[in-house]
């Protein structure tokens, strides 16, 4: 299991740029951590079980996390 914690983000809040947001299907997620490792804004960390946790202040909705998810557990949905 890979646990990724990025306490010192240090970047700007870019959440207001977002048009699409990632959504996680917990049933399909294998806790591989790829979404967290590829996130360019370090908006995704993992919990003790390796499941992704998104810091919405830093998520700009780029979709890289969903693109890199090997199981399709992370998808992008349009925000309302």
PDB file of N, CA and C in Angstrom:
ATOM      1  N   UNK A   1       0.846  -1.176   0.000  1.00  0.00           N
ATOM      2  CA  UNK A   1       0.000   0.000   0.000  1.00  0.00           C
ATOM      3  C   UNK A   1       0.893   1.241   0.000  1.00  0.00           C
ATOM      4  N   UNK A   2       0.545   2.198  -0.824  1.00  0.00           N
ATOM      5  CA  UNK A   2       1.258   3.458  -0.905  1.00  0.00           C
ATOM      6  C   UNK A   2       0.388   4.529  -0.272  1.00  0.00           C
ATOM      7  N   UNK A   3       0.941   5.262   0.698  1.00  0.00           N
ATOM      8  CA  UNK A   3       0.224   6.365   1.320  1.00  0.00           C
ATOM      9  C   UNK A   3       0.933   7.647   0.945  1.00  0.00           C
ATOM     10  N   UNK A   4       0.213   8.552   0.326  1.00  0.00           N
ATOM     11  CA  UNK A   4       0.803   9.816  -0.110  1.00  0.00           C
ATOM     12  C   UNK A   4       0.187  10.944   0.700  1.00  0.00           C
ATOM     13  N   UNK A   5       1.030  11.652   1.420  1.00  0.00           N
ATOM     14  CA  UNK A   5       0.597  12.827   2.179  1.00  0.00           C
ATOM     15  C   UNK A   5       1.416  14.016   1.690  1.00  0.00           C
ATOM     16  N   UNK A   6       0.763  15.066   1.354  1.00  0.00           N
ATOM     17  CA  UNK A   6       1.453  16.279   0.906  1.00  0.00           C
ATOM     18  C   UNK A   6       0.965  17.433   1.748  1.00  0.00           C
ATOM     19  N   UNK A   7       1.521  17.573   2.919  1.00  0.00           N
ATOM     20  CA  UNK A   7       1.067  18.596   3.860  1.00  0.00           C
ATOM     21  C   UNK A   7       1.417  20.004   3.391  1.00  0.00           C
ATOM     22  N   UNK A   8       2.548  20.167   2.745  1.00  0.00           N
ATOM     23  CA  UNK A   8       2.997  21.495   2.330  1.00  0.00           C
ATOM     24  C   UNK A   8       2.680  21.735   0.863  1.00  0.00           C
ATOM     25  N   UNK A   9       1.442  22.044   0.580  1.00  0.00           N
ATOM     26  CA  UNK A   9       1.051  22.285  -0.801  1.00  0.00           C
ATOM     27  C   UNK A   9       1.687  23.571  -1.311  1.00  0.00           C
ATOM     28  N   UNK A  10       1.487  24.662  -0.598  1.00  0.00           N
ATOM     29  CA  UNK A  10       2.143  25.904  -0.921  1.00  0.00           C
ATOM     30  C   UNK A  10       1.646  26.623  -2.160  1.00  0.00           C
ATOM     31  N   UNK A  11       0.754  26.029  -2.915  1.00  0.00           N
ATOM     32  CA  UNK A  11       0.277  26.651  -4.142  1.00  0.00           C
ATOM     33  C   UNK A  11      -0.905  27.561  -3.895  1.00  0.00           C
ATOM     34  N   UNK A  12      -1.473  28.057  -4.972  1.00  0.00           N
ATOM     35  CA  UNK A  12      -2.650  28.910  -4.882  1.00  0.00           C
ATOM     36  C   UNK A  12      -3.901  28.066  -4.962  1.00  0.00           C
ATOM     37  N   UNK A  13      -4.959  28.576  -4.361  1.00  0.00           N
ATOM     38  CA  UNK A  13      -6.243  27.894  -4.473  1.00  0.00           C
ATOM     39  C   UNK A  13      -6.740  28.062  -5.902  1.00  0.00           C
ATOM     40  N   UNK A  14      -6.962  26.950  -6.595  1.00  0.00           N
ATOM     41  CA  UNK A  14      -7.394  26.994  -7.989  1.00  0.00           C
ATOM     42  C   UNK A  14      -8.747  26.312  -8.181  1.00  0.00           C
ATOM     43  N   UNK A  15      -9.409  25.975  -7.080  1.00  0.00           N
ATOM     44  CA  UNK A  15     -10.684  25.278  -7.153  1.00  0.00           C
ATOM     45  C   UNK A  15     -11.758  26.035  -7.903  1.00  0.00           C
ATOM     46  N   UNK A  16     -11.652  27.358  -7.946  1.00  0.00           N
ATOM     47  CA  UNK A  16     -12.674  28.132  -8.654  1.00  0.00           C
ATOM     48  C   UNK A  16     -12.503  28.071 -10.175  1.00  0.00           C
ATOM     49  N   UNK A  17     -11.458  27.439 -10.664  1.00  0.00           N
ATOM     50  CA  UNK A  17     -11.272  27.257 -12.103  1.00  0.00           C
ATOM     51  C   UNK A  17     -12.101  26.086 -12.611  1.00  0.00           C
ATOM     52  N   UNK A  18     -12.509  25.225 -11.723  1.00  0.00           N
ATOM     53  CA  UNK A  18     -13.058  23.920 -12.054  1.00  0.00           C
ATOM     54  C   UNK A  18     -14.425  23.993 -12.739  1.00  0.00           C
ATOM     55  N   UNK A  19     -14.566  23.271 -13.840  1.00  0.00           N
ATOM     56  CA  UNK A  19     -15.846  23.071 -14.518  1.00  0.00           C
ATOM     57  C   UNK A  19     -16.282  21.621 -14.323  1.00  0.00           C
ATOM     58  N   UNK A  20     -15.317  20.707 -14.395  1.00  0.00           N
ATOM     59  CA  UNK A  20     -15.561  19.285 -14.137  1.00  0.00           C
ATOM     60  C   UNK A  20     -14.825  18.898 -12.867  1.00  0.00           C
ATOM     61  N   UNK A  21     -15.385  17.959 -12.133  1.00  0.00           N
ATOM     62  CA  UNK A  21     -14.786  17.520 -10.879  1.00  0.00           C
ATOM     63  C   UNK A  21     -14.643  16.004 -10.867  1.00  0.00           C
ATOM     64  N   UNK A  22     -13.571  15.513 -10.257  1.00  0.00           N
ATOM     65  CA  UNK A  22     -13.411  14.064 -10.170  1.00  0.00           C
ATOM     66  C   UNK A  22     -14.370  13.458  -9.149  1.00  0.00           C
ATOM     67  N   UNK A  23     -14.882  12.299  -9.487  1.00  0.00           N
ATOM     68  CA  UNK A  23     -15.740  11.534  -8.573  1.00  0.00           C
ATOM     69  C   UNK A  23     -15.154  10.134  -8.476  1.00  0.00           C
ATOM     70  N   UNK A  24     -15.108   9.605  -7.268  1.00  0.00           N
ATOM     71  CA  UNK A  24     -14.511   8.306  -7.021  1.00  0.00           C
ATOM     72  C   UNK A  24     -15.570   7.258  -6.741  1.00  0.00           C
ATOM     73  N   UNK A  25     -15.436   6.109  -7.393  1.00  0.00           N
ATOM     74  CA  UNK A  25     -16.272   4.953  -7.093  1.00  0.00           C
ATOM     75  C   UNK A  25     -15.454   4.081  -6.144  1.00  0.00           C
ATOM     76  N   UNK A  26     -15.783   4.154  -4.859  1.00  0.00           N
ATOM     77  CA  UNK A  26     -15.045   3.431  -3.821  1.00  0.00           C
ATOM     78  C   UNK A  26     -15.025   1.924  -4.054  1.00  0.00           C
ATOM     79  N   UNK A  27     -16.075   1.408  -4.661  1.00  0.00           N
ATOM     80  CA  UNK A  27     -16.173  -0.034  -4.902  1.00  0.00           C
ATOM     81  C   UNK A  27     -15.140  -0.501  -5.934  1.00  0.00           C
ATOM     82  N   UNK A  28     -14.785   0.370  -6.868  1.00  0.00           N
ATOM     83  CA  UNK A  28     -13.884   0.008  -7.956  1.00  0.00           C
ATOM     84  C   UNK A  28     -12.433   0.386  -7.648  1.00  0.00           C
ATOM     85  N   UNK A  29     -12.221   1.352  -6.772  1.00  0.00           N
ATOM     86  CA  UNK A  29     -10.882   1.854  -6.447  1.00  0.00           C
ATOM     87  C   UNK A  29     -10.044   0.756  -5.795  1.00  0.00           C
ATOM     88  N   UNK A  30      -8.831   0.550  -6.313  1.00  0.00           N
ATOM     89  CA  UNK A  30      -7.912  -0.440  -5.755  1.00  0.00           C
ATOM     90  C   UNK A  30      -6.852   0.192  -4.869  1.00  0.00           C
ATOM     91  N   UNK A  31      -6.951   1.480  -4.611  1.00  0.00           N
ATOM     92  CA  UNK A  31      -6.019   2.216  -3.753  1.00  0.00           C
ATOM     93  C   UNK A  31      -4.586   2.150  -4.281  1.00  0.00           C
ATOM     94  N   UNK A  32      -4.434   2.287  -5.596  1.00  0.00           N
ATOM     95  CA  UNK A  32      -3.099   2.213  -6.197  1.00  0.00           C
ATOM     96  C   UNK A  32      -2.298   3.503  -5.982  1.00  0.00           C
ATOM     97  N   UNK A  33      -2.994   4.633  -5.798  1.00  0.00           N
ATOM     98  CA  UNK A  33      -2.313   5.901  -5.539  1.00  0.00           C
ATOM     99  C   UNK A  33      -1.871   6.651  -6.774  1.00  0.00           C
ATOM    100  N   UNK A  34      -2.165   6.141  -7.962  1.00  0.00           N
ATOM    101  CA  UNK A  34      -1.733   6.830  -9.181  1.00  0.00           C
ATOM    102  C   UNK A  34      -2.383   8.205  -9.315  1.00  0.00           C
ATOM    103  N   UNK A  35      -3.638   8.312  -8.936  1.00  0.00           N
ATOM    104  CA  UNK A  35      -4.317   9.614  -9.046  1.00  0.00           C
ATOM    105  C   UNK A  35      -3.581  10.666  -8.219  1.00  0.00           C
ATOM    106  N   UNK A  36      -3.159  10.302  -7.023  1.00  0.00           N
ATOM    107  CA  UNK A  36      -2.448  11.241  -6.150  1.00  0.00           C
ATOM    108  C   UNK A  36      -1.063  11.562  -6.688  1.00  0.00           C
ATOM    109  N   UNK A  37      -0.383  10.568  -7.220  1.00  0.00           N
ATOM    110  CA  UNK A  37       0.979  10.815  -7.691  1.00  0.00           C
ATOM    111  C   UNK A  37       1.015  11.643  -8.975  1.00  0.00           C
ATOM    112  N   UNK A  38      -0.035  11.586  -9.786  1.00  0.00           N
ATOM    113  CA  UNK A  38      -0.058  12.346 -11.043  1.00  0.00           C
ATOM    114  C   UNK A  38      -0.725  13.714 -10.921  1.00  0.00           C
ATOM    115  N   UNK A  39      -1.413  13.996  -9.824  1.00  0.00           N
ATOM    116  CA  UNK A  39      -2.129  15.270  -9.679  1.00  0.00           C
ATOM    117  C   UNK A  39      -1.145  16.443  -9.713  1.00  0.00           C
ATOM    118  N   UNK A  40      -1.251  17.335 -10.701  1.00  0.00           N
ATOM    119  CA  UNK A  40      -0.287  18.434 -10.826  1.00  0.00           C
ATOM    120  C   UNK A  40      -0.416  19.498  -9.735  1.00  0.00           C
ATOM    121  N   UNK A  41      -1.548  19.553  -9.065  1.00  0.00           N
ATOM    122  CA  UNK A  41      -1.754  20.547  -8.014  1.00  0.00           C
ATOM    123  C   UNK A  41      -1.601  19.959  -6.613  1.00  0.00           C
ATOM    124  N   UNK A  42      -1.238  18.689  -6.517  1.00  0.00           N
ATOM    125  CA  UNK A  42      -1.127  17.992  -5.230  1.00  0.00           C
ATOM    126  C   UNK A  42      -2.428  18.099  -4.442  1.00  0.00           C
ATOM    127  N   UNK A  43      -3.545  18.059  -5.160  1.00  0.00           N
ATOM    128  CA  UNK A  43      -4.854  18.176  -4.520  1.00  0.00           C
ATOM    129  C   UNK A  43      -5.345  16.841  -3.973  1.00  0.00           C
ATOM    130  N   UNK A  44      -4.689  15.758  -4.355  1.00  0.00           N
ATOM    131  CA  UNK A  44      -5.118  14.437  -3.908  1.00  0.00           C
ATOM    132  C   UNK A  44      -4.056  13.833  -3.004  1.00  0.00           C
ATOM    133  N   UNK A  45      -4.493  13.416  -1.841  1.00  0.00           N
ATOM    134  CA  UNK A  45      -3.647  12.632  -0.950  1.00  0.00           C
ATOM    135  C   UNK A  45      -4.382  11.322  -0.707  1.00  0.00           C
ATOM    136  N   UNK A  46      -3.764  10.426   0.025  1.00  0.00           N
ATOM    137  CA  UNK A  46      -4.414   9.150   0.305  1.00  0.00           C
ATOM    138  C   UNK A  46      -4.576   8.962   1.803  1.00  0.00           C
ATOM    139  N   UNK A  47      -5.631   8.268   2.176  1.00  0.00           N
ATOM    140  CA  UNK A  47      -5.860   7.989   3.586  1.00  0.00           C
ATOM    141  C   UNK A  47      -5.081   6.727   3.993  1.00  0.00           C
ATOM    142  N   UNK A  48      -5.302   6.255   5.205  1.00  0.00           N
ATOM    143  CA  UNK A  48      -4.578   5.098   5.722  1.00  0.00           C
ATOM    144  C   UNK A  48      -4.840   3.834   4.901  1.00  0.00           C
ATOM    145  N   UNK A  49      -5.998   3.759   4.260  1.00  0.00           N
ATOM    146  CA  UNK A  49      -6.334   2.603   3.425  1.00  0.00           C
ATOM    147  C   UNK A  49      -5.831   2.763   2.001  1.00  0.00           C
ATOM    148  N   UNK A  50      -5.240   3.919   1.689  1.00  0.00           N
ATOM    149  CA  UNK A  50      -4.747   4.184   0.349  1.00  0.00           C
ATOM    150  C   UNK A  50      -5.776   4.792  -0.578  1.00  0.00           C
ATOM    151  N   UNK A  51      -6.963   5.064  -0.073  1.00  0.00           N
ATOM    152  CA  UNK A  51      -8.026   5.652  -0.894  1.00  0.00           C
ATOM    153  C   UNK A  51      -7.775   7.160  -1.060  1.00  0.00           C
ATOM    154  N   UNK A  52      -8.100   7.708  -2.218  1.00  0.00           N
ATOM    155  CA  UNK A  52      -7.860   9.131  -2.475  1.00  0.00           C
ATOM    156  C   UNK A  52      -8.755  10.047  -1.648  1.00  0.00           C
ATOM    157  N   UNK A  53      -8.167  11.157  -1.227  1.00  0.00           N
ATOM    158  CA  UNK A  53      -8.896  12.241  -0.574  1.00  0.00           C
ATOM    159  C   UNK A  53      -8.560  13.511  -1.345  1.00  0.00           C
ATOM    160  N   UNK A  54      -9.583  14.228  -1.780  1.00  0.00           N
ATOM    161  CA  UNK A  54      -9.378  15.410  -2.621  1.00  0.00           C
ATOM    162  C   UNK A  54      -9.536  16.671  -1.794  1.00  0.00           C
ATOM    163  N   UNK A  55      -8.555  17.552  -1.895  1.00  0.00           N
ATOM    164  CA  UNK A  55      -8.629  18.870  -1.286  1.00  0.00           C
ATOM    165  C   UNK A  55      -9.205  19.797  -2.361  1.00  0.00           C
ATOM    166  N   UNK A  56     -10.495  20.089  -2.257  1.00  0.00           N
ATOM    167  CA  UNK A  56     -11.210  20.819  -3.310  1.00  0.00           C
ATOM    168  C   UNK A  56     -10.682  22.229  -3.529  1.00  0.00           C
ATOM    169  N   UNK A  57      -9.973  22.793  -2.580  1.00  0.00           N
ATOM    170  CA  UNK A  57      -9.387  24.130  -2.770  1.00  0.00           C
ATOM    171  C   UNK A  57      -8.324  24.113  -3.859  1.00  0.00           C
ATOM    172  N   UNK A  58      -7.654  22.969  -4.024  1.00  0.00           N
ATOM    173  CA  UNK A  58      -6.558  22.874  -4.980  1.00  0.00           C
ATOM    174  C   UNK A  58      -6.914  22.150  -6.271  1.00  0.00           C
ATOM    175  N   UNK A  59      -8.032  21.446  -6.304  1.00  0.00           N
ATOM    176  CA  UNK A  59      -8.431  20.717  -7.510  1.00  0.00           C
ATOM    177  C   UNK A  59      -8.964  21.686  -8.562  1.00  0.00           C
ATOM    178  N   UNK A  60      -8.303  21.706  -9.733  1.00  0.00           N
ATOM    179  CA  UNK A  60      -8.747  22.599 -10.799  1.00  0.00           C
ATOM    180  C   UNK A  60      -9.573  21.874 -11.855  1.00  0.00           C
ATOM    181  N   UNK A  61      -9.807  20.574 -11.657  1.00  0.00           N
ATOM    182  CA  UNK A  61     -10.661  19.821 -12.570  1.00  0.00           C
ATOM    183  C   UNK A  61     -10.008  19.460 -13.880  1.00  0.00           C
ATOM    184  N   UNK A  62      -8.709  19.263 -13.878  1.00  0.00           N
ATOM    185  CA  UNK A  62      -7.997  18.986 -15.128  1.00  0.00           C
ATOM    186  C   UNK A  62      -8.266  17.586 -15.680  1.00  0.00           C
ATOM    187  N   UNK A  63      -8.617  16.630 -14.814  1.00  0.00           N
ATOM    188  CA  UNK A  63      -8.949  15.290 -15.258  1.00  0.00           C
ATOM    189  C   UNK A  63      -7.784  14.327 -15.377  1.00  0.00           C
ATOM    190  N   UNK A  64      -6.593  14.752 -15.010  1.00  0.00           N
ATOM    191  CA  UNK A  64      -5.439  13.862 -15.094  1.00  0.00           C
ATOM    192  C   UNK A  64      -5.638  12.653 -14.187  1.00  0.00           C
ATOM    193  N   UNK A  65      -6.201  12.870 -13.005  1.00  0.00           N
ATOM    194  CA  UNK A  65      -6.434  11.762 -12.075  1.00  0.00           C
ATOM    195  C   UNK A  65      -7.329  10.697 -12.701  1.00  0.00           C
ATOM    196  N   UNK A  66      -8.389  11.116 -13.352  1.00  0.00           N
ATOM    197  CA  UNK A  66      -9.302  10.176 -13.999  1.00  0.00           C
ATOM    198  C   UNK A  66      -8.637   9.492 -15.188  1.00  0.00           C
ATOM    199  N   UNK A  67      -7.825  10.234 -15.911  1.00  0.00           N
ATOM    200  CA  UNK A  67      -7.131   9.669 -17.062  1.00  0.00           C
ATOM    201  C   UNK A  67      -6.122   8.601 -16.651  1.00  0.00           C
ATOM    202  N   UNK A  68      -5.483   8.788 -15.520  1.00  0.00           N
ATOM    203  CA  UNK A  68      -4.452   7.849 -15.071  1.00  0.00           C
ATOM    204  C   UNK A  68      -5.000   6.676 -14.273  1.00  0.00           C
ATOM    205  N   UNK A  69      -6.263   6.724 -13.880  1.00  0.00           N
ATOM    206  CA  UNK A  69      -6.855   5.654 -13.073  1.00  0.00           C
ATOM    207  C   UNK A  69      -6.980   4.378 -13.904  1.00  0.00           C
ATOM    208  N   UNK A  70      -6.264   3.316 -13.527  1.00  0.00           N
ATOM    209  CA  UNK A  70      -6.279   2.102 -14.341  1.00  0.00           C
ATOM    210  C   UNK A  70      -7.588   1.309 -14.259  1.00  0.00           C
ATOM    211  N   UNK A  71      -8.390   1.542 -13.226  1.00  0.00           N
ATOM    212  CA  UNK A  71      -9.627   0.779 -13.071  1.00  0.00           C
ATOM    213  C   UNK A  71     -10.867   1.556 -13.484  1.00  0.00           C
ATOM    214  N   UNK A  72     -10.708   2.847 -13.767  1.00  0.00           N
ATOM    215  CA  UNK A  72     -11.859   3.678 -14.105  1.00  0.00           C
ATOM    216  C   UNK A  72     -12.669   4.094 -12.888  1.00  0.00           C
ATOM    217  N   UNK A  73     -12.074   3.973 -11.704  1.00  0.00           N
ATOM    218  CA  UNK A  73     -12.772   4.341 -10.471  1.00  0.00           C
ATOM    219  C   UNK A  73     -12.937   5.851 -10.354  1.00  0.00           C
ATOM    220  N   UNK A  74     -12.038   6.602 -10.964  1.00  0.00           N
ATOM    221  CA  UNK A  74     -12.093   8.061 -10.924  1.00  0.00           C
ATOM    222  C   UNK A  74     -12.643   8.538 -12.265  1.00  0.00           C
ATOM    223  N   UNK A  75     -13.729   9.271 -12.236  1.00  0.00           N
ATOM    224  CA  UNK A  75     -14.325   9.824 -13.449  1.00  0.00           C
ATOM    225  C   UNK A  75     -14.548  11.311 -13.255  1.00  0.00           C
ATOM    226  N   UNK A  76     -14.743  12.006 -14.357  1.00  0.00           N
ATOM    227  CA  UNK A  76     -14.983  13.447 -14.293  1.00  0.00           C
ATOM    228  C   UNK A  76     -16.469  13.709 -14.566  1.00  0.00           C
ATOM    229  N   UNK A  77     -17.068  14.534 -13.726  1.00  0.00           N
ATOM    230  CA  UNK A  77     -18.467  14.925 -13.905  1.00  0.00           C
ATOM    231  C   UNK A  77     -18.545  16.436 -13.902  1.00  0.00           C
ATOM    232  N   UNK A  78     -19.483  16.975 -14.668  1.00  0.00           N
ATOM    233  CA  UNK A  78     -19.666  18.415 -14.722  1.00  0.00           C
ATOM    234  C   UNK A  78     -20.249  18.913 -13.412  1.00  0.00           C
ATOM    235  N   UNK A  79     -19.644  19.955 -12.878  1.00  0.00           N
ATOM    236  CA  UNK A  79     -20.151  20.534 -11.635  1.00  0.00           C
ATOM    237  C   UNK A  79     -21.390  21.348 -11.925  1.00  0.00           C
ATOM    238  N   UNK A  80     -22.293  21.367 -10.965  1.00  0.00           N
ATOM    239  CA  UNK A  80     -23.531  22.132 -11.124  1.00  0.00           C
ATOM    240  C   UNK A  80     -23.406  23.490 -10.514  1.00  0.00           C
TER     241      UNK A  80
END
